[in-house]
C-alpha atoms as a PDB file:
ATOM      1  CA  MET A   1       0.000   0.000   0.000  1.00  0.00           C
ATOM      2  CA  LYS A   2       1.418   3.369  -0.991  1.00  0.00           C
ATOM      3  CA  GLN A   3       2.015   5.668   1.956  1.00  0.00           C
ATOM      4  CA  ALA A   4       0.631   9.184   1.706  1.00  0.00           C
ATOM      5  CA  ARG A   5       3.002  10.370   4.417  1.00  0.00           C
ATOM      6  CA  LYS A   6       6.756  10.264   4.562  1.00  0.00           C
ATOM      7  CA  ILE A   7       8.059   7.916   7.238  1.00  0.00           C
ATOM      8  CA  GLU A   8       9.830   9.953   9.893  1.00  0.00           C
ATOM      9  CA  PHE A   9      12.090   9.126  12.823  1.00  0.00           C
ATOM     10  CA  GLY A  10      12.485  11.228  15.941  1.00  0.00           C
ATOM     11  CA  LEU A  11      14.502  10.625  19.078  1.00  0.00           C
ATOM     12  CA  PHE A  12      12.740  10.376  22.419  1.00  0.00           C
ATOM     13  CA  SER A  13      15.460  11.967  24.532  1.00  0.00           C
ATOM     14  CA  PRO A  14      14.815  12.207  28.285  1.00  0.00           C
ATOM     15  CA  GLN A  15      17.231  14.806  29.585  1.00  0.00           C
ATOM     16  CA  ALA A  16      18.000  13.162  32.954  1.00  0.00           C
ATOM     17  CA  GLY A  17      21.708  13.139  33.711  1.00  0.00           C
ATOM     18  CA  LEU A  18      22.594  15.192  30.636  1.00  0.00           C
ATOM     19  CA  SER A  19      24.062  18.687  30.616  1.00  0.00           C
ATOM     20  CA  TYR A  20      22.905  21.387  28.247  1.00  0.00           C
ATOM     21  CA  GLN A  21      26.091  20.971  26.201  1.00  0.00           C
ATOM     22  CA  ALA A  22      25.492  17.223  25.913  1.00  0.00           C
ATOM     23  CA  LEU A  23      21.902  17.760  24.791  1.00  0.00           C
ATOM     24  CA  LEU A  24      22.953  20.419  22.302  1.00  0.00           C
ATOM     25  CA  ALA A  25      25.575  18.061  20.895  1.00  0.00           C
ATOM     26  CA  ARG A  26      22.918  15.364  20.573  1.00  0.00           C
ATOM     27  CA  ALA A  27      20.556  17.760  18.788  1.00  0.00           C
ATOM     28  CA  SER A  28      23.340  18.775  16.407  1.00  0.00           C
ATOM     29  CA  THR A  29      24.096  15.117  15.643  1.00  0.00           C
ATOM     30  CA  LEU A  30      20.441  14.369  14.968  1.00  0.00           C
ATOM     31  CA  GLU A  31      20.216  17.370  12.664  1.00  0.00           C
ATOM     32  CA  LYS A  32      23.322  16.342  10.737  1.00  0.00           C
ATOM     33  CA  LEU A  33      22.076  12.763  10.324  1.00  0.00           C
ATOM     34  CA  GLY A  34      18.635  13.741   9.042  1.00  0.00           C
ATOM     35  CA  TYR A  35      16.382  12.799  11.938  1.00  0.00           C
ATOM     36  CA  HIS A  36      12.980  14.472  11.948  1.00  0.00           C
ATOM     37  CA  SER A  37      12.826  15.583  15.574  1.00  0.00           C
ATOM     38  CA  MET A  38      14.059  15.451  19.150  1.00  0.00           C
ATOM     39  CA  TRP A  39      11.588  15.065  22.016  1.00  0.00           C
ATOM     40  CA  LEU A  40      12.315  16.015  25.629  1.00  0.00           C
ATOM     41  CA  VAL A  41      10.327  15.064  28.735  1.00  0.00           C
ATOM     42  CA  ASP A  42       8.332  17.283  31.082  1.00  0.00           C
ATOM     43  CA  HIS A  43       9.456  16.080  34.490  1.00  0.00           C
ATOM     44  CA  MET A  44      11.238  17.509  37.504  1.00  0.00           C
ATOM     45  CA  TRP A  45      13.178  14.278  38.036  1.00  0.00           C
ATOM     46  CA  THR A  46      13.179  10.742  36.706  1.00  0.00           C
ATOM     47  CA  ARG A  47      12.120   7.754  38.757  1.00  0.00           C
ATOM     48  CA  ALA A  48      15.122   5.748  37.559  1.00  0.00           C
ATOM     49  CA  MET A  49      17.629   8.390  38.710  1.00  0.00           C
ATOM     50  CA  PRO A  50      15.841  10.740  41.119  1.00  0.00           C
ATOM     51  CA  GLU A  51      18.992  12.621  42.154  1.00  0.00           C
ATOM     52  CA  ALA A  52      20.290  13.160  38.615  1.00  0.00           C
ATOM     53  CA  ASP A  53      20.308  16.595  37.020  1.00  0.00           C
ATOM     54  CA  LEU A  54      17.250  17.225  34.843  1.00  0.00           C
ATOM     55  CA  LEU A  55      16.884  20.502  32.949  1.00  0.00           C
ATOM     56  CA  GLU A  56      13.408  22.047  32.738  1.00  0.00           C
ATOM     57  CA  CYS A  57      11.975  21.301  29.319  1.00  0.00           C
ATOM     58  CA  MET A  58      10.494  24.633  28.189  1.00  0.00           C
ATOM     59  CA  ALA A  59      13.618  26.668  28.903  1.00  0.00           C
ATOM     60  CA  LEU A  60      15.722  23.934  27.326  1.00  0.00           C
ATOM     61  CA  LEU A  61      13.468  23.760  24.273  1.00  0.00           C
ATOM     62  CA  SER A  62      13.948  27.463  23.642  1.00  0.00           C
ATOM     63  CA  ALA A  63      17.725  27.171  24.007  1.00  0.00           C
ATOM     64  CA  LEU A  64      17.916  24.262  21.567  1.00  0.00           C
ATOM     65  CA  ALA A  65      15.651  26.095  19.133  1.00  0.00           C
ATOM     66  CA  ALA A  66      18.109  28.987  19.049  1.00  0.00           C
ATOM     67  CA  ARG A  67      21.082  26.731  18.317  1.00  0.00           C
ATOM     68  CA  THR A  68      19.668  24.417  15.623  1.00  0.00           C
ATOM     69  CA  GLU A  69      18.439  25.060  12.090  1.00  0.00           C
ATOM     70  CA  LYS A  70      16.489  22.097  10.709  1.00  0.00           C
ATOM     71  CA  LEU A  71      15.667  19.690  13.521  1.00  0.00           C
ATOM     72  CA  ARG A  72      12.104  19.829  14.809  1.00  0.00           C
ATOM     73  CA  LEU A  73      11.800  20.089  18.591  1.00  0.00           C
ATOM     74  CA  GLY A  74       9.136  19.032  21.049  1.00  0.00           C
ATOM     75  CA  VAL A  75       8.288  17.534  24.415  1.00  0.00           C
ATOM     76  CA  MET A  76       6.756  14.083  24.795  1.00  0.00           C
ATOM     77  CA  VAL A  77       4.609  15.270  26.457  1.00  0.00           C
ATOM     78  CA  LEU A  78       3.918  18.550  28.221  1.00  0.00           C
ATOM     79  CA  CYS A  79       1.968  17.948  31.432  1.00  0.00           C
ATOM     80  CA  ASN A  80      -1.213  19.980  31.185  1.00  0.00           C
ATOM     81  CA  SER A  81      -1.403  20.554  34.936  1.00  0.00           C
ATOM     82  CA  TYR A  82       1.928  22.341  35.247  1.00  0.00           C
ATOM     83  CA  ARG A  83       1.120  25.478  33.230  1.00  0.00           C
ATOM     84  CA  ASN A  84      -1.799  27.776  32.670  1.00  0.00           C
ATOM     85  CA  PRO A  85      -2.861  27.000  29.072  1.00  0.00           C
ATOM     86  CA  ALA A  86      -2.955  30.642  27.999  1.00  0.00           C
ATOM     87  CA  LEU A  87       0.576  31.282  29.236  1.00  0.00           C
ATOM     88  CA  LEU A  88       1.642  27.966  27.714  1.00  0.00           C
ATOM     89  CA  ALA A  89       0.296  29.112  24.345  1.00  0.00           C
ATOM     90  CA  LYS A  90       2.321  32.310  24.670  1.00  0.00           C
ATOM     91  CA  SER A  91       5.483  30.365  25.470  1.00  0.00           C
ATOM     92  CA  LEU A  92       4.953  27.903  22.634  1.00  0.00           C
ATOM     93  CA  CYS A  93       4.410  30.673  20.100  1.00  0.00           C
ATOM     94  CA  THR A  94       7.632  32.315  21.274  1.00  0.00           C
ATOM     95  CA  ILE A  95       9.556  29.066  20.822  1.00  0.00           C
ATOM     96  CA  ASP A  96       8.063  28.574  17.367  1.00  0.00           C
ATOM     97  CA  GLN A  97       9.260  32.072  16.486  1.00  0.00           C
ATOM     98  CA  VAL A  98      12.743  31.374  17.884  1.00  0.00           C
ATOM     99  CA  SER A  99      12.968  28.123  15.918  1.00  0.00           C
ATOM    100  CA  GLY A 100      11.704  29.615  12.668  1.00  0.00           C
ATOM    101  CA  GLY A 101       8.708  27.266  12.657  1.00  0.00           C
ATOM    102  CA  ARG A 102      10.162  23.973  13.936  1.00  0.00           C
ATOM    103  CA  LEU A 103       8.133  23.503  17.106  1.00  0.00           C
ATOM    104  CA  GLU A 104       6.207  20.302  17.803  1.00  0.00           C
ATOM    105  CA  VAL A 105       3.511  20.643  20.483  1.00  0.00           C
ATOM    106  CA  GLY A 106       3.206  17.425  22.491  1.00  0.00           C
ATOM    107  CA  MET A 107       0.455  17.375  25.127  1.00  0.00           C
ATOM    108  CA  GLY A 108      -0.681  14.994  27.851  1.00  0.00           C
ATOM    109  CA  ALA A 109      -2.985  15.006  30.862  1.00  0.00           C
ATOM    110  CA  GLY A 110      -0.290  14.245  33.468  1.00  0.00           C
ATOM    111  CA  TRP A 111       0.278  11.156  35.590  1.00  0.00           C
ATOM    112  CA  MET A 112       3.240  11.263  38.001  1.00  0.00           C
ATOM    113  CA  GLU A 113       1.497  11.811  41.329  1.00  0.00           C
ATOM    114  CA  GLU A 114       4.594  12.101  43.523  1.00  0.00           C
ATOM    115  CA  GLU A 115       5.908  14.873  41.274  1.00  0.00           C
ATOM    116  CA  TYR A 116       2.638  16.807  41.527  1.00  0.00           C
ATOM    117  CA  ARG A 117       2.693  16.513  45.312  1.00  0.00           C
ATOM    118  CA  ALA A 118       6.361  17.439  45.665  1.00  0.00           C
ATOM    119  CA  TYR A 119       5.975  20.635  43.661  1.00  0.00           C
ATOM    120  CA  GLY A 120       2.697  21.689  45.263  1.00  0.00           C
ATOM    121  CA  TYR A 121       0.291  20.834  42.459  1.00  0.00           C
ATOM    122  CA  GLU A 122      -3.084  19.306  43.200  1.00  0.00           C
ATOM    123  CA  PHE A 123      -3.484  15.812  41.771  1.00  0.00           C
ATOM    124  CA  PRO A 124      -7.173  15.445  40.953  1.00  0.00           C
ATOM    125  CA  PRO A 125      -8.703  12.174  39.766  1.00  0.00           C
ATOM    126  CA  ILE A 126      -8.024  11.197  36.160  1.00  0.00           C
ATOM    127  CA  GLY A 127     -11.543  12.165  35.093  1.00  0.00           C
ATOM    128  CA  ILE A 128     -10.979  15.760  36.197  1.00  0.00           C
ATOM    129  CA  ARG A 129      -7.490  15.873  34.694  1.00  0.00           C
ATOM    130  CA  LEU A 130      -8.933  14.788  31.358  1.00  0.00           C
ATOM    131  CA  LYS A 131     -11.637  17.467  31.502  1.00  0.00           C
ATOM    132  CA  GLN A 132      -8.996  20.074  32.312  1.00  0.00           C
ATOM    133  CA  PHE A 133      -6.924  18.739  29.448  1.00  0.00           C
ATOM    134  CA  GLU A 134      -9.775  19.114  26.966  1.00  0.00           C
ATOM    135  CA  GLU A 135     -10.360  22.720  28.000  1.00  0.00           C
ATOM    136  CA  SER A 136      -6.656  23.430  27.581  1.00  0.00           C
ATOM    137  CA  LEU A 137      -6.626  21.990  24.073  1.00  0.00           C
ATOM    138  CA  GLN A 138      -9.477  24.296  23.119  1.00  0.00           C
ATOM    139  CA  ILE A 139      -7.665  27.286  24.600  1.00  0.00           C
ATOM    140  CA  LEU A 140      -4.381  26.458  22.868  1.00  0.00           C
ATOM    141  CA  LYS A 141      -5.991  26.258  19.447  1.00  0.00           C
ATOM    142  CA  SER A 142      -7.826  29.524  19.995  1.00  0.00           C
ATOM    143  CA  MET A 143      -4.734  31.328  21.276  1.00  0.00           C
ATOM    144  CA  PHE A 144      -2.759  30.055  18.292  1.00  0.00           C
ATOM    145  CA  THR A 145      -5.249  31.293  15.706  1.00  0.00           C
ATOM    146  CA  GLU A 146      -7.696  33.915  17.000  1.00  0.00           C
ATOM    147  CA  LYS A 147      -7.154  37.655  17.536  1.00  0.00           C
ATOM    148  CA  ARG A 148      -8.577  37.406  21.049  1.00  0.00           C
ATOM    149  CA  THR A 149      -9.582  34.436  23.119  1.00  0.00           C
ATOM    150  CA  ASN A 150     -12.598  34.335  25.390  1.00  0.00           C
ATOM    151  CA  PHE A 151     -13.201  31.137  27.265  1.00  0.00           C
ATOM    152  CA  ASP A 152     -15.548  30.398  30.129  1.00  0.00           C
ATOM    153  CA  GLY A 153     -14.923  26.828  31.167  1.00  0.00           C
ATOM    154  CA  ARG A 154     -15.235  24.902  34.379  1.00  0.00           C
ATOM    155  CA  TYR A 155     -11.489  25.022  35.055  1.00  0.00           C
ATOM    156  CA  TYR A 156     -10.141  27.958  33.010  1.00  0.00           C
ATOM    157  CA  ARG A 157     -11.476  31.406  32.190  1.00  0.00           C
ATOM    158  CA  LEU A 158      -9.991  33.884  29.688  1.00  0.00           C
ATOM    159  CA  VAL A 159     -11.283  37.346  28.820  1.00  0.00           C
ATOM    160  CA  ASP A 160     -10.037  39.015  25.627  1.00  0.00           C
ATOM    161  CA  ALA A 161      -6.681  37.268  25.859  1.00  0.00           C
ATOM    162  CA  ILE A 162      -4.297  38.514  23.165  1.00  0.00           C
ATOM    163  CA  ASN A 163      -1.438  36.342  21.940  1.00  0.00           C
ATOM    164  CA  ASN A 164       0.931  38.027  19.506  1.00  0.00           C
ATOM    165  CA  PRO A 165       2.990  37.151  17.638  1.00  0.00           C
ATOM    166  CA  LYS A 166       1.251  34.063  16.377  1.00  0.00           C
ATOM    167  CA  PRO A 167       3.283  30.950  15.591  1.00  0.00           C
ATOM    168  CA  VAL A 168       5.282  30.837  12.383  1.00  0.00           C
ATOM    169  CA  GLN A 169       3.532  27.612  11.390  1.00  0.00           C
ATOM    170  CA  THR A 170      -0.014  27.989  10.149  1.00  0.00           C
ATOM    171  CA  PRO A 171      -2.630  27.490  11.299  1.00  0.00           C
ATOM    172  CA  HIS A 172      -0.514  26.368  14.274  1.00  0.00           C
ATOM    173  CA  PRO A 173       2.327  23.976  15.145  1.00  0.00           C
ATOM    174  CA  PRO A 174       1.292  20.320  14.927  1.00  0.00           C
ATOM    175  CA  ILE A 175      -0.383  19.125  18.107  1.00  0.00           C
ATOM    176  CA  THR A 176       0.590  15.636  19.209  1.00  0.00           C
ATOM    177  CA  ILE A 177      -1.418  14.008  21.966  1.00  0.00           C
ATOM    178  CA  GLY A 178       0.269  11.172  23.796  1.00  0.00           C
ATOM    179  CA  GLY A 179      -1.930   8.612  25.531  1.00  0.00           C
ATOM    180  CA  SER A 180      -3.909   5.463  24.966  1.00  0.00           C
ATOM    181  CA  GLY A 181      -6.941   5.554  27.268  1.00  0.00           C
ATOM    182  CA  GLU A 182      -9.656   4.053  25.131  1.00  0.00           C
ATOM    183  CA  LYS A 183     -12.750   5.846  26.429  1.00  0.00           C
ATOM    184  CA  VAL A 184     -11.672   9.474  26.767  1.00  0.00           C
ATOM    185  CA  MET A 185      -8.069  10.040  25.683  1.00  0.00           C
ATOM    186  CA  LEU A 186      -8.503   8.569  22.216  1.00  0.00           C
ATOM    187  CA  ARG A 187     -11.667  10.622  21.795  1.00  0.00           C
ATOM    188  CA  LEU A 188      -9.640  13.742  22.562  1.00  0.00           C
ATOM    189  CA  VAL A 189      -7.011  12.606  20.072  1.00  0.00           C
ATOM    190  CA  ALA A 190      -9.688  12.190  17.424  1.00  0.00           C
ATOM    191  CA  GLU A 191     -11.171  15.620  18.084  1.00  0.00           C
ATOM    192  CA  TYR A 192      -8.102  17.797  18.661  1.00  0.00           C
ATOM    193  CA  ALA A 193      -4.851  16.176  17.533  1.00  0.00           C
ATOM    194  CA  ASP A 194      -2.821  16.459  14.357  1.00  0.00           C
ATOM    195  CA  ARG A 195      -0.851  13.436  15.492  1.00  0.00           C
ATOM    196  CA  TRP A 196      -1.418  10.630  17.962  1.00  0.00           C
ATOM    197  CA  ASN A 197       1.596   9.218  19.770  1.00  0.00           C
ATOM    198  CA  LEU A 198       0.945   5.727  21.099  1.00  0.00           C
ATOM    199  CA  PRO A 199       2.950   5.279  24.319  1.00  0.00           C
ATOM    200  CA  ALA A 200       5.079   2.192  24.820  1.00  0.00           C
ATOM    201  CA  GLY A 201       3.792  -0.714  26.879  1.00  0.00           C
ATOM    202  CA  TYR A 202       0.400  -1.339  25.252  1.00  0.00           C
ATOM    203  CA  ARG A 203      -1.061  -4.860  25.204  1.00  0.00           C
ATOM    204  CA  SER A 204      -2.205  -5.085  21.584  1.00  0.00           C
ATOM    205  CA  LEU A 205      -1.215  -2.761  18.750  1.00  0.00           C
ATOM    206  CA  ASP A 206      -4.079  -3.949  16.562  1.00  0.00           C
ATOM    207  CA  ASP A 207      -6.645  -3.323  19.298  1.00  0.00           C
ATOM    208  CA  LYS A 208      -5.322   0.181  19.995  1.00  0.00           C
ATOM    209  CA  LEU A 209      -5.359   1.077  16.300  1.00  0.00           C
ATOM    210  CA  ALA A 210      -8.881  -0.261  15.887  1.00  0.00           C
ATOM    211  CA  THR A 211     -10.126   1.769  18.860  1.00  0.00           C
ATOM    212  CA  PHE A 212      -8.422   4.874  17.525  1.00  0.00           C
ATOM    213  CA  GLU A 213     -10.111   4.397  14.142  1.00  0.00           C
ATOM    214  CA  ARG A 214     -13.541   4.125  15.779  1.00  0.00           C
ATOM    215  CA  HIS A 215     -12.999   7.421  17.581  1.00  0.00           C
ATOM    216  CA  ARG A 216     -11.679   9.058  14.396  1.00  0.00           C
ATOM    217  CA  GLU A 217     -14.777   8.032  12.480  1.00  0.00           C
ATOM    218  CA  ALA A 218     -17.070   9.226  15.282  1.00  0.00           C
ATOM    219  CA  ALA A 219     -15.301  12.607  15.269  1.00  0.00           C
ATOM    220  CA  GLY A 220     -15.829  12.953  11.521  1.00  0.00           C
ATOM    221  CA  ARG A 221     -12.123  13.184  10.733  1.00  0.00           C
ATOM    222  CA  ALA A 222     -11.023  11.844   7.374  1.00  0.00           C
ATOM    223  CA  PRO A 223      -8.876   8.695   7.137  1.00  0.00           C
ATOM    224  CA  GLY A 224      -5.255   9.744   7.435  1.00  0.00           C
ATOM    225  CA  ALA A 225      -6.108  13.189   8.800  1.00  0.00           C
ATOM    226  CA  ILE A 226      -4.407  12.307  12.075  1.00  0.00           C
ATOM    227  CA  GLU A 227      -0.876  11.000  11.799  1.00  0.00           C
ATOM    228  CA  ILE A 228      -0.057   7.959  13.938  1.00  0.00           C
ATOM    229  CA  SER A 229       3.277   7.763  15.717  1.00  0.00           C
ATOM    230  CA  GLU A 230       4.641   5.251  18.188  1.00  0.00           C
ATOM    231  CA  GLN A 231       6.928   5.651  21.168  1.00  0.00           C
ATOM    232  CA  LEU A 232       9.249   2.738  20.497  1.00  0.00           C
ATOM    233  CA  LEU A 233      12.200   1.156  22.260  1.00  0.00           C
ATOM    234  CA  VAL A 234      14.811   0.060  19.718  1.00  0.00           C
ATOM    235  CA  CYS A 235      17.684  -2.236  20.628  1.00  0.00           C
ATOM    236  CA  LEU A 236      20.069  -2.009  17.678  1.00  0.00           C
ATOM    237  CA  GLY A 237      23.383  -3.755  17.132  1.00  0.00           C
ATOM    238  CA  ARG A 238      25.704  -4.568  14.256  1.00  0.00           C
ATOM    239  CA  SER A 239      25.566  -8.292  15.045  1.00  0.00           C
ATOM    240  CA  GLU A 240      23.140 -10.607  16.775  1.00  0.00           C
ATOM    241  CA  GLU A 241      25.650 -11.066  19.587  1.00  0.00           C
ATOM    242  CA  GLU A 242      25.798  -7.321  20.165  1.00  0.00           C
ATOM    243  CA  VAL A 243      22.001  -7.125  20.070  1.00  0.00           C
ATOM    244  CA  GLU A 244      21.605  -9.809  22.736  1.00  0.00           C
ATOM    245  CA  GLN A 245      24.206  -8.126  24.926  1.00  0.00           C
ATOM    246  CA  LYS A 246      22.355  -4.812  24.716  1.00  0.00           C
ATOM    247  CA  TRP A 247      19.002  -6.506  25.264  1.00  0.00           C
ATOM    248  CA  LYS A 248      20.078  -7.556  28.763  1.00  0.00           C
ATOM    249  CA  ILE A 249      20.098  -3.863  29.682  1.00  0.00           C
ATOM    250  CA  ALA A 250      16.949  -3.141  27.687  1.00  0.00           C
ATOM    251  CA  THR A 251      14.898  -5.557  29.797  1.00  0.00           C
ATOM    252  CA  ARG A 252      15.209  -3.111  32.703  1.00  0.00           C
ATOM    253  CA  LEU A 253      13.513  -0.339  30.719  1.00  0.00           C
ATOM    254  CA  LYS A 254       9.915  -0.904  31.703  1.00  0.00           C
ATOM    255  CA  PRO A 255       7.321  -0.432  30.258  1.00  0.00           C
ATOM    256  CA  PHE A 256       9.265   0.329  27.049  1.00  0.00           C
ATOM    257  CA  VAL A 257      10.650  -3.188  26.743  1.00  0.00           C
ATOM    258  CA  TYR A 258       7.166  -4.720  26.572  1.00  0.00           C
ATOM    259  CA  THR A 259       6.585  -3.306  23.103  1.00  0.00           C
ATOM    260  CA  GLY A 260      10.191  -2.739  22.029  1.00  0.00           C
ATOM    261  CA  ILE A 261      12.028  -4.281  19.103  1.00  0.00           C
ATOM    262  CA  LYS A 262      15.560  -5.622  18.774  1.00  0.00           C
ATOM    263  CA  GLY A 263      17.862  -6.656  15.966  1.00  0.00           C
ATOM    264  CA  THR A 264      20.517  -5.849  13.429  1.00  0.00           C
ATOM    265  CA  PRO A 265      19.743  -3.041  10.979  1.00  0.00           C
ATOM    266  CA  ALA A 266      18.095  -5.425   8.500  1.00  0.00           C
ATOM    267  CA  GLN A 267      15.963  -6.965  11.238  1.00  0.00           C
ATOM    268  CA  ILE A 268      14.943  -3.562  12.569  1.00  0.00           C
ATOM    269  CA  VAL A 269      13.911  -2.525   9.053  1.00  0.00           C
ATOM    270  CA  ASP A 270      11.604  -5.544   8.859  1.00  0.00           C
ATOM    271  CA  GLU A 271      10.100  -4.811  12.277  1.00  0.00           C
ATOM    272  CA  LEU A 272       9.443  -1.192  11.354  1.00  0.00           C
ATOM    273  CA  LYS A 273       7.954  -2.075   7.980  1.00  0.00           C
ATOM    274  CA  ALA A 274       5.425  -4.311   9.722  1.00  0.00           C
ATOM    275  CA  ARG A 275       4.301  -1.314  11.779  1.00  0.00           C
ATOM    276  CA  VAL A 276       4.255   0.999   8.781  1.00  0.00           C
ATOM    277  CA  ALA A 277       1.954  -1.483   7.044  1.00  0.00           C
ATOM    278  CA  LYS A 278      -0.503  -0.949   9.906  1.00  0.00           C
ATOM    279  CA  GLY A 279      -0.511   2.823   9.388  1.00  0.00           C
ATOM    280  CA  ILE A 280       2.251   4.132  11.671  1.00  0.00           C
ATOM    281  CA  THR A 281       4.239   6.782   9.847  1.00  0.00           C
ATOM    282  CA  MET A 282       6.388   8.249  12.606  1.00  0.00           C
ATOM    283  CA  PHE A 283       8.476   6.716  15.368  1.00  0.00           C
ATOM    284  CA  THR A 284       9.726   8.502  18.482  1.00  0.00           C
ATOM    285  CA  ILE A 285      12.574   6.180  19.373  1.00  0.00           C
ATOM    286  CA  LEU A 286      14.179   5.444  22.711  1.00  0.00           C
ATOM    287  CA  PHE A 287      17.407   3.607  21.973  1.00  0.00           C
ATOM    288  CA  SER A 288      18.157   0.935  24.553  1.00  0.00           C
ATOM    289  CA  ASP A 289      21.778   2.075  24.882  1.00  0.00           C
ATOM    290  CA  PHE A 290      20.681   5.683  25.467  1.00  0.00           C
ATOM    291  CA  ALA A 291      21.601   6.939  22.002  1.00  0.00           C
ATOM    292  CA  PRO A 292      25.378   7.342  21.783  1.00  0.00           C
ATOM    293  CA  PRO A 293      26.512   8.922  18.488  1.00  0.00           C
ATOM    294  CA  GLU A 294      27.538   5.574  17.000  1.00  0.00           C
ATOM    295  CA  THR A 295      24.016   4.154  17.481  1.00  0.00           C
ATOM    296  CA  LEU A 296      22.406   7.275  16.039  1.00  0.00           C
ATOM    297  CA  GLU A 297      24.719   6.988  13.037  1.00  0.00           C
ATOM    298  CA  LEU A 298      24.102   3.263  12.542  1.00  0.00           C
ATOM    299  CA  PHE A 299      20.342   3.767  12.544  1.00  0.00           C
ATOM    300  CA  ALA A 300      20.551   6.783  10.230  1.00  0.00           C
ATOM    301  CA  ASN A 301      22.899   5.100   7.772  1.00  0.00           C
ATOM    302  CA  GLU A 302      21.498   1.574   7.677  1.00  0.00           C
ATOM    303  CA  VAL A 303      17.836   1.775   8.734  1.00  0.00           C
ATOM    304  CA  MET A 304      16.443   5.148   7.706  1.00  0.00           C
ATOM    305  CA  PRO A 305      17.364   4.830   3.997  1.00  0.00           C
ATOM    306  CA  ALA A 306      14.964   1.883   3.700  1.00  0.00           C
ATOM    307  CA  PHE A 307      12.131   4.342   4.351  1.00  0.00           C
ATOM    308  CA  ALA A 308      13.321   7.233   2.202  1.00  0.00           C
ATOM    309  CA  ALA A 309      10.642   8.693  -0.043  1.00  0.00           C
ATOM    310  CA  ARG A 310      10.753   7.243  -3.545  1.00  0.00           C
END
């Protein structure tokens, strides 16, 4: 089946334990090698290394935007609860201006309770967080596109809110929603997203895709109107021996390992093609060896060309 979309590869790059210079070097490498995007995380610390340095994502995003030229930049995903949506829209438009139109807007409803509590945020039940999230999505789109935004919701209220300059990208930067809740989250994806990012750790890819399609149809969105991406652990090695050695470490990366793939470049190509055949056209990859330059180069040189537009 001919793909209407180009197959793209981004790096899911949690910033825990990495300095700004290290992250900038990584972004520069990705840009040089032709990756589509680099995605940070919106956390104050990481559970795996709670004492490790972790740079705040919005400030870091702006800094990387100023020092790169082609690479698209985003967060997988911004926690809705941490920022007023109107101010968030203002910040995102500024970053899109700084980047010259390379911003990716990744959004989620939030989940890490101990982080909320530690930083003084209320942690309401998931039903309320999802309702807050939906209001925020409406506000973001309005702030991106309208001269003034008025909004009288249950959780947010705006009166003649002005947001200039608008983003470089029109009508707005692509909005990616990350999540897989089948009753509400996928409905929000179908109604508001330009792209759906399926988080790692799901039980059945086919079931998730089928549920997504039902919500898309119910929302009246055309087939293919919403791009499908997957958060994917990739364990890549030059030989099967190297792959198996790396996989021993990968098994600790839960829940990513549950839906991850492993192999030599040729084997990884086959695994990815099977997903592309199901309609996935973008991958936000977490490399099991934490993405040293040699792994980024191996993937770019021996895997990505198999998906180059013809």
